[in-house]
Amino acid sequence: MIATKDESIVNDFRTVRACRMKWLRISTALTGIAACSFLLAQVAPHAREAGAIFAAQDDPAALSELQLDRALRNDRLVQDNIEAALAAGDADLADSFVALARDRNIALPDDLLSRVSDAVKDETSTTQFAKRFATGLVTGNADDVASLSGTVAGDLFVIGDIRDVVREGKHLAMGEDTDRLVLGLATAGLAVTAITYVSVGGAAPVRAGLTLVKDARKVGRLGEGLAAWAGRSAREVVDTPMLQNAVPKGSVFRPGETVSAIRAAFRAEKAGALVRLGKDVTRVAEKTGTRGAMDTLRIAEGPKDVARATRLAEAQGGKTRAIMKLLGRGALLLIGGAFDLAMWLFGAMLTLFGLLSSIKATTERLTQAWCDRKRAQVAAEAALASAAATA
């Protein structure tokens, strides 16, 4: 009788202990659900943004919009850049930031808008245009529409290209430091100029683009990666021995003879890549202006970057300069920060896995507790029935 009573006490203790362990396991699973839900709520917005950026990495227009969402969280950023552009005398860039602010519904002070408008009017006045046109025609350097017009005019009349080929060709013949990129672009320019005349301007966009690349090189605005690629391409389009024979006889005072001699050293079959580059640069300039094209050449690391900039310029128009100023090469493709973006995605997936695992564990443990309870009820009923039968 005493033994039976002790066994009953032990069984009751075991039952209570099992019940406590069961509810502890259920509470742990419920805590996991709550913790993972909280973490997922914190991580999900960053993961969503990271996923959108990764999905848009091949679309410069969409990628730049997403990058701008992050950059423009600072309300003063646009206004500060406008002030800096006006201080640097770059009214075109200031106007680009105004267009960006208008598109993003960013309020700007009226006096700042007036200053930008006055600066743009002054920059595009007839006197200033004529002055910069003459500067581009004489020096061959361009940094805006007017000076580019003068530079292209000089190159179309072969003066600029002959000057560059003769100068760099003589450096090459004498074993001095030679800018082979300028030499190759000028040689290609002479050949394209001839095509332009034959096609009555059909090749003019390529001509303008090559001139811009050459001018960017002269003033140090050509990115290192693009300069290296263009230099290799320029070497391929020039027959160096033939050019060295033609240069000593060349002169801007005998343009006809000089062009014929130099053009013979041009390998047209090797110029496809340079021609495509010239077309893309011209398309950027058409949408963003000459300075926009110069900005593109400065940040581009290769012809693919310029092609991406073309797509960006066609989508964003006058806002493109402001976007490239804020984002740099990041406006064209996904660069730095990819690891951080990947970590946000990984963290979100890990947290989601933890949440689902916690839900699964909670469901299993609640189901097990219900089953155990039903079995206990059935066993109790059976014991009562047996006791009643025995009595």
Protein backbone atom coordinates (compact mmCIF):
# COMPACT_ATOMS: atom_id res chain seq x y z
CA MET A 1 0.00 0.00 0.00
CA ILE A 2 2.85 2.35 0.90
CA ALA A 3 4.73 1.38 -2.26
CA THR A 4 1.70 2.13 -4.37
CA LYS A 5 1.39 5.56 -2.77
CA ASP A 6 5.09 6.34 -3.45
CA GLU A 7 4.72 5.30 -7.07
CA SER A 8 1.73 7.62 -7.41
CA ILE A 9 3.71 10.54 -6.01
CA VAL A 10 6.62 9.84 -8.38
CA ASN A 11 4.26 9.59 -11.37
CA ASP A 12 2.61 12.89 -10.44
CA PHE A 13 6.03 14.56 -10.16
CA ARG A 14 7.05 13.22 -13.55
CA THR A 15 3.80 14.43 -15.07
CA VAL A 16 4.25 17.95 -13.67
CA ARG A 17 7.87 18.04 -14.83
CA ALA A 18 6.97 16.89 -18.34
CA CYS A 19 4.20 19.50 -18.49
CA ARG A 20 6.59 22.27 -17.49
CA MET A 21 9.21 21.18 -20.05
CA LYS A 22 6.53 21.01 -22.71
CA TRP A 23 5.34 24.57 -22.08
CA LEU A 24 8.94 25.81 -21.80
CA ARG A 25 9.66 24.46 -25.28
CA ILE A 26 6.49 26.09 -26.60
CA SER A 27 7.39 29.42 -24.96
CA THR A 28 10.88 29.25 -26.47
CA ALA A 29 9.43 28.74 -29.95
CA LEU A 30 6.98 31.62 -29.46
CA THR A 31 9.87 33.85 -28.32
CA GLY A 32 11.73 32.91 -31.49
CA ILE A 33 8.73 33.97 -33.59
CA ALA A 34 8.55 37.32 -31.82
CA ALA A 35 12.31 37.99 -32.09
CA CYS A 36 12.56 36.99 -35.76
CA SER A 37 9.45 39.03 -36.62
CA PHE A 38 10.98 42.11 -35.00
CA LEU A 39 14.32 41.66 -36.77
CA LEU A 40 12.63 41.02 -40.10
CA ALA A 41 10.65 44.25 -39.74
CA GLN A 42 13.95 46.10 -39.29
CA VAL A 43 15.85 44.34 -42.07
CA ALA A 44 13.11 44.06 -44.70
CA PRO A 45 13.18 47.71 -45.95
CA HIS A 46 16.95 47.59 -46.45
CA ALA A 47 16.73 44.19 -48.12
CA ARG A 48 13.94 45.41 -50.41
CA GLU A 49 16.07 48.40 -51.42
CA ALA A 50 19.11 46.18 -51.98
CA GLY A 51 17.08 43.79 -54.13
CA ALA A 52 15.74 46.67 -56.23
CA ILE A 53 19.27 48.01 -56.78
CA PHE A 54 20.57 44.59 -57.81
CA ALA A 55 17.63 44.16 -60.20
CA ALA A 56 18.32 47.58 -61.78
CA GLN A 57 22.10 47.20 -62.11
CA ASP A 58 21.86 46.83 -65.91
CA ASP A 59 19.52 49.82 -66.31
CA PRO A 60 21.42 53.10 -65.64
CA ALA A 61 18.23 55.18 -65.54
CA ALA A 62 16.49 52.99 -62.94
CA LEU A 63 19.71 52.49 -60.98
CA SER A 64 20.36 56.22 -60.77
CA GLU A 65 16.81 56.84 -59.50
CA LEU A 66 17.31 54.34 -56.69
CA GLN A 67 20.71 55.77 -55.83
CA LEU A 68 19.23 59.26 -55.76
CA ASP A 69 16.59 58.14 -53.28
CA ARG A 70 19.42 57.39 -50.88
CA ALA A 71 21.59 60.40 -51.69
CA LEU A 72 18.84 63.03 -51.48
CA ARG A 73 17.83 62.18 -47.93
CA ASN A 74 19.96 65.20 -47.09
CA ASP A 75 17.67 68.13 -47.95
CA ARG A 76 20.56 70.61 -48.21
CA LEU A 77 22.55 68.56 -50.71
CA VAL A 78 21.00 70.03 -53.89
CA GLN A 79 21.14 73.62 -52.64
CA ASP A 80 24.78 73.29 -51.56
CA ASN A 81 25.74 71.89 -54.96
CA ILE A 82 23.98 74.75 -56.75
CA GLU A 83 25.89 77.26 -54.64
CA ALA A 84 29.16 75.47 -55.41
CA ALA A 85 28.41 75.38 -59.15
CA LEU A 86 27.63 79.11 -59.23
CA ALA A 87 30.81 79.85 -57.30
CA ALA A 88 32.78 77.83 -59.86
CA GLY A 89 31.14 79.68 -62.76
CA ASP A 90 29.37 76.55 -64.03
CA ALA A 91 25.86 77.83 -64.68
CA ASP A 92 25.01 74.75 -66.73
CA LEU A 93 25.63 72.44 -63.75
CA ALA A 94 23.65 74.74 -61.45
CA ASP A 95 20.74 74.64 -63.91
CA SER A 96 20.98 70.85 -64.02
CA PHE A 97 20.59 70.73 -60.23
CA VAL A 98 17.58 73.05 -60.48
CA ALA A 99 16.00 70.61 -62.96
CA LEU A 100 16.73 67.74 -60.57
CA ALA A 101 15.19 69.64 -57.65
CA ARG A 102 12.09 70.41 -59.71
CA ASP A 103 11.74 66.75 -60.67
CA ARG A 104 12.14 65.63 -57.05
CA ASN A 105 9.84 68.33 -55.63
CA ILE A 106 12.67 69.84 -53.61
CA ALA A 107 11.94 73.45 -52.66
CA LEU A 108 14.65 76.02 -53.44
CA PRO A 109 14.87 79.69 -52.37
CA ASP A 110 13.57 82.17 -54.94
CA ASP A 111 16.74 84.25 -54.81
CA LEU A 112 18.84 81.17 -55.62
CA LEU A 113 16.63 80.36 -58.62
CA SER A 114 17.00 83.95 -59.83
CA ARG A 115 20.78 83.77 -59.57
CA VAL A 116 20.85 80.54 -61.56
CA SER A 117 18.60 82.02 -64.24
CA ASP A 118 20.79 85.14 -64.55
CA ALA A 119 23.96 83.03 -64.75
CA VAL A 120 22.49 80.87 -67.52
CA LYS A 121 21.42 83.93 -69.51
CA ASP A 122 24.87 85.47 -69.18
CA GLU A 123 26.58 82.24 -70.21
CA THR A 124 24.43 81.85 -73.32
CA SER A 125 24.60 85.48 -74.43
CA THR A 126 25.71 86.24 -78.00
CA THR A 127 28.94 87.94 -76.91
CA GLN A 128 30.01 85.08 -74.68
CA PHE A 129 29.09 82.51 -77.34
CA ALA A 130 31.16 84.26 -80.01
CA LYS A 131 34.12 84.58 -77.65
CA ARG A 132 34.12 80.90 -76.72
CA PHE A 133 33.55 79.87 -80.35
CA ALA A 134 36.68 81.75 -81.35
CA THR A 135 38.61 80.22 -78.46
CA GLY A 136 37.61 76.71 -79.53
CA LEU A 137 38.45 77.43 -83.16
CA VAL A 138 41.94 78.77 -82.39
CA THR A 139 43.05 76.58 -79.47
CA GLY A 140 41.16 73.40 -80.26
CA ASN A 141 39.96 73.05 -76.66
CA ALA A 142 36.26 72.78 -75.79
CA ASP A 143 34.38 72.80 -72.51
CA ASP A 144 30.95 74.02 -73.61
CA VAL A 145 28.69 74.17 -76.67
CA ALA A 146 30.22 77.35 -78.09
CA SER A 147 33.86 76.29 -77.82
CA LEU A 148 32.97 72.83 -79.13
CA SER A 149 31.32 74.42 -82.14
CA GLY A 150 34.55 76.28 -82.81
CA THR A 151 36.64 73.17 -82.31
CA VAL A 152 34.47 71.06 -84.59
CA ALA A 153 34.52 73.83 -87.19
CA GLY A 154 38.32 73.84 -87.05
CA ASP A 155 38.45 70.05 -87.37
CA LEU A 156 35.95 70.02 -90.22
CA PHE A 157 38.24 72.44 -92.05
CA VAL A 158 41.05 69.97 -91.13
CA ILE A 159 43.11 72.73 -89.48
CA GLY A 160 42.83 71.32 -85.97
CA ASP A 161 43.50 67.71 -86.89
CA ILE A 162 46.43 68.57 -89.14
CA ARG A 163 47.91 70.67 -86.36
CA ASP A 164 47.60 67.78 -83.89
CA VAL A 165 48.89 65.11 -86.29
CA VAL A 166 51.87 67.18 -87.38
CA ARG A 167 52.80 68.09 -83.79
CA GLU A 168 52.47 64.59 -82.35
CA GLY A 169 53.85 62.97 -85.51
CA LYS A 170 57.04 65.01 -85.28
CA HIS A 171 57.39 64.03 -81.63
CA LEU A 172 57.06 60.40 -82.71
CA ALA A 173 59.61 60.76 -85.51
CA MET A 174 62.14 62.39 -83.19
CA GLY A 175 61.67 59.80 -80.45
CA GLU A 176 60.10 62.29 -78.03
CA ASP A 177 57.11 61.71 -75.76
CA THR A 178 54.10 61.31 -78.01
CA ASP A 179 50.45 61.35 -77.10
CA ARG A 180 49.46 58.46 -79.33
CA LEU A 181 45.83 58.84 -78.36
CA VAL A 182 45.63 62.41 -79.68
CA LEU A 183 47.60 61.29 -82.72
CA GLY A 184 45.24 58.41 -83.44
CA LEU A 185 42.10 60.46 -82.85
CA ALA A 186 43.33 63.26 -85.11
CA THR A 187 44.23 60.77 -87.84
CA ALA A 188 40.83 59.11 -87.53
CA GLY A 189 39.24 62.57 -87.52
CA LEU A 190 40.83 63.44 -90.86
CA ALA A 191 39.44 60.28 -92.42
CA VAL A 192 35.98 60.87 -90.93
CA THR A 193 36.07 64.51 -92.11
CA ALA A 194 36.49 63.29 -95.66
CA ILE A 195 33.50 60.98 -95.21
CA THR A 196 31.53 63.88 -93.74
CA TYR A 197 32.09 65.97 -96.84
CA VAL A 198 31.22 63.08 -99.15
CA SER A 199 28.03 62.25 -97.21
CA VAL A 200 27.10 65.94 -96.81
CA GLY A 201 27.30 65.87 -93.03
CA GLY A 202 26.18 62.29 -92.46
CA ALA A 203 29.28 61.47 -90.42
CA ALA A 204 29.29 64.78 -88.53
CA PRO A 205 28.09 63.22 -85.24
CA VAL A 206 31.09 60.86 -85.24
CA ARG A 207 33.35 63.79 -86.09
CA ALA A 208 32.03 65.82 -83.14
CA GLY A 209 32.35 62.86 -80.78
CA LEU A 210 35.98 62.19 -81.72
CA THR A 211 36.75 65.87 -81.27
CA LEU A 212 35.27 65.80 -77.78
CA VAL A 213 37.32 62.76 -76.81
CA LYS A 214 40.46 64.42 -78.15
CA ASP A 215 39.73 67.66 -76.29
CA ALA A 216 38.99 65.77 -73.07
CA ARG A 217 42.40 64.16 -73.41
CA LYS A 218 44.12 67.48 -73.93
CA VAL A 219 42.60 69.12 -70.86
CA GLY A 220 43.02 66.06 -68.63
CA ARG A 221 39.32 65.13 -68.41
CA LEU A 222 39.59 61.64 -69.88
CA GLY A 223 39.31 58.84 -67.33
CA GLU A 224 42.35 56.61 -66.98
CA GLY A 225 40.51 53.45 -67.98
CA LEU A 226 38.93 55.02 -71.04
CA ALA A 227 42.22 56.70 -72.00
CA ALA A 228 44.03 53.35 -71.86
CA TRP A 229 41.37 51.67 -74.00
CA ALA A 230 41.20 54.54 -76.50
CA GLY A 231 45.01 54.60 -76.69
CA ARG A 232 45.11 50.93 -77.67
CA SER A 233 42.36 51.47 -80.24
CA ALA A 234 44.12 54.55 -81.62
CA ARG A 235 47.37 52.63 -82.14
CA GLU A 236 45.51 50.03 -84.18
CA VAL A 237 44.05 52.58 -86.61
CA VAL A 238 47.39 54.24 -87.44
CA ASP A 239 50.06 52.80 -89.73
CA THR A 240 53.02 54.33 -87.86
CA PRO A 241 55.75 53.94 -90.57
CA MET A 242 53.51 55.45 -93.25
CA LEU A 243 52.51 58.27 -90.93
CA GLN A 244 56.14 59.04 -90.10
CA ASN A 245 56.85 59.41 -93.82
CA ALA A 246 53.84 61.69 -94.29
CA VAL A 247 54.36 64.00 -91.32
CA PRO A 248 57.60 65.76 -92.44
CA LYS A 249 55.78 66.99 -95.54
CA GLY A 250 52.65 68.02 -93.63
CA SER A 251 51.61 71.58 -92.99
CA VAL A 252 48.43 73.50 -92.22
CA PHE A 253 49.32 75.68 -95.20
CA ARG A 254 49.02 72.72 -97.59
CA PRO A 255 45.90 71.03 -96.21
CA GLY A 256 44.98 69.11 -99.35
CA GLU A 257 48.34 67.39 -99.75
CA THR A 258 48.69 66.83 -96.02
CA VAL A 259 45.27 65.24 -95.61
CA SER A 260 45.85 62.85 -98.53
CA ALA A 261 49.21 61.76 -97.15
CA ILE A 262 47.98 61.30 -93.60
CA ARG A 263 44.72 59.63 -94.54
CA ALA A 264 46.70 56.91 -96.28
CA ALA A 265 48.07 55.93 -92.87
CA PHE A 266 44.56 55.42 -91.49
CA ARG A 267 43.30 51.83 -91.21
CA ALA A 268 39.55 52.18 -91.61
CA GLU A 269 38.90 48.49 -90.89
CA LYS A 270 40.31 48.94 -87.36
CA ALA A 271 38.30 52.05 -86.51
CA GLY A 272 34.93 50.49 -85.67
CA ALA A 273 35.33 50.78 -81.90
CA LEU A 274 36.46 54.41 -82.06
CA VAL A 275 33.59 55.28 -84.38
CA ARG A 276 31.07 53.76 -81.94
CA LEU A 277 32.67 55.70 -79.11
CA GLY A 278 32.38 58.93 -81.14
CA LYS A 279 28.69 58.27 -81.80
CA ASP A 280 27.94 57.57 -78.13
CA VAL A 281 29.77 60.68 -76.94
CA THR A 282 27.82 62.80 -79.42
CA ARG A 283 24.51 61.34 -78.23
CA VAL A 284 25.41 62.21 -74.65
CA ALA A 285 26.35 65.75 -75.69
CA GLU A 286 23.04 66.16 -77.53
CA LYS A 287 21.08 65.40 -74.34
CA THR A 288 23.31 66.94 -71.67
CA GLY A 289 25.48 69.49 -73.45
CA THR A 290 29.22 69.48 -74.01
CA ARG A 291 30.09 69.67 -70.35
CA GLY A 292 27.86 66.69 -69.67
CA ALA A 293 29.79 64.71 -72.28
CA MET A 294 33.05 65.85 -70.67
CA ASP A 295 31.78 64.70 -67.28
CA THR A 296 30.99 61.31 -68.80
CA LEU A 297 34.44 60.98 -70.33
CA ARG A 298 36.00 61.88 -66.99
CA ILE A 299 34.26 59.13 -65.00
CA ALA A 300 34.08 56.46 -67.72
CA GLU A 301 36.47 53.52 -67.47
CA GLY A 302 35.71 52.17 -70.92
CA PRO A 303 33.37 52.36 -73.92
CA LYS A 304 30.69 50.35 -72.08
CA ASP A 305 30.48 53.10 -69.47
CA VAL A 306 29.97 55.67 -72.22
CA ALA A 307 27.23 53.51 -73.76
CA ARG A 308 25.55 53.33 -70.34
CA ALA A 309 25.85 57.11 -70.01
CA THR A 310 24.05 57.42 -73.34
CA ARG A 311 21.08 55.48 -71.96
CA LEU A 312 21.15 57.56 -68.78
CA ALA A 313 21.25 60.85 -70.72
CA GLU A 314 18.38 59.80 -72.97
CA ALA A 315 16.26 59.00 -69.89
CA GLN A 316 17.25 61.91 -67.62
CA GLY A 317 18.01 64.71 -70.10
CA GLY A 318 19.09 67.95 -68.43
CA LYS A 319 19.27 66.31 -64.98
CA THR A 320 22.11 64.03 -66.07
CA ARG A 321 24.98 66.33 -65.07
CA ALA A 322 23.57 66.77 -61.57
CA ILE A 323 23.08 63.01 -61.22
CA MET A 324 26.64 62.24 -62.30
CA LYS A 325 27.95 64.96 -59.98
CA LEU A 326 26.17 63.36 -57.01
CA LEU A 327 26.72 59.69 -57.84
CA GLY A 328 29.86 59.67 -59.98
CA ARG A 329 30.39 56.36 -61.78
CA GLY A 330 27.73 54.89 -59.51
CA ALA A 331 25.14 56.57 -61.77
CA LEU A 332 26.19 54.20 -64.58
CA LEU A 333 26.64 50.88 -62.81
CA LEU A 334 26.66 49.19 -59.43
CA ILE A 335 30.11 49.65 -57.88
CA GLY A 336 31.04 50.14 -54.21
CA GLY A 337 28.59 48.94 -51.58
CA ALA A 338 27.64 45.73 -53.37
CA PHE A 339 28.91 43.69 -50.41
CA ASP A 340 26.76 45.68 -47.97
CA LEU A 341 23.72 45.23 -50.20
CA ALA A 342 24.37 41.50 -50.41
CA MET A 343 24.65 41.31 -46.62
CA TRP A 344 21.26 42.98 -46.20
CA LEU A 345 19.72 40.38 -48.52
CA PHE A 346 21.50 37.54 -46.73
CA GLY A 347 20.42 38.88 -43.34
CA ALA A 348 16.80 39.12 -44.50
CA MET A 349 16.84 35.55 -45.83
CA LEU A 350 18.46 34.27 -42.63
CA THR A 351 15.89 36.07 -40.47
CA LEU A 352 13.03 34.78 -42.61
CA PHE A 353 14.40 31.25 -42.29
CA GLY A 354 14.53 31.70 -38.49
CA LEU A 355 10.92 32.96 -38.46
CA LEU A 356 9.67 30.02 -40.51
CA SER A 357 11.64 27.57 -38.38
CA SER A 358 10.15 29.09 -35.20
CA ILE A 359 6.63 28.87 -36.63
CA LYS A 360 7.24 25.24 -37.59
CA ALA A 361 8.60 24.39 -34.14
CA THR A 362 5.69 26.13 -32.41
CA THR A 363 3.16 24.32 -34.55
CA GLU A 364 4.79 20.94 -33.93
CA ARG A 365 5.04 21.49 -30.16
CA LEU A 366 1.45 22.72 -29.82
CA THR A 367 0.27 19.74 -31.85
CA GLN A 368 2.33 17.39 -29.70
CA ALA A 369 0.89 18.96 -26.51
CA TRP A 370 -2.66 18.52 -27.82
CA CYS A 371 -1.99 14.90 -28.78
CA ASP A 372 -0.44 14.17 -25.38
CA ARG A 373 -3.44 15.70 -23.66
CA LYS A 374 -5.89 13.62 -25.70
CA ARG A 375 -3.91 10.46 -24.96
CA ALA A 376 -3.91 11.32 -21.23
CA GLN A 377 -7.67 11.84 -21.32
CA VAL A 378 -8.20 8.52 -23.07
CA ALA A 379 -5.92 6.76 -20.57
CA ALA A 380 -7.74 8.36 -17.60
CA GLU A 381 -11.11 7.31 -18.96
CA ALA A 382 -9.83 3.79 -19.51
CA ALA A 383 -8.46 3.66 -15.94
CA LEU A 384 -11.78 4.84 -14.51
CA ALA A 385 -13.65 2.28 -16.55
CA SER A 386 -11.30 -0.46 -15.37
CA ALA A 387 -11.65 0.63 -11.73
CA ALA A 388 -15.42 0.69 -12.05
CA ALA A 389 -15.41 -2.76 -13.57
CA THR A 390 -13.19 -4.08 -10.80
CA ALA A 391 -15.40 -2.53 -8.11
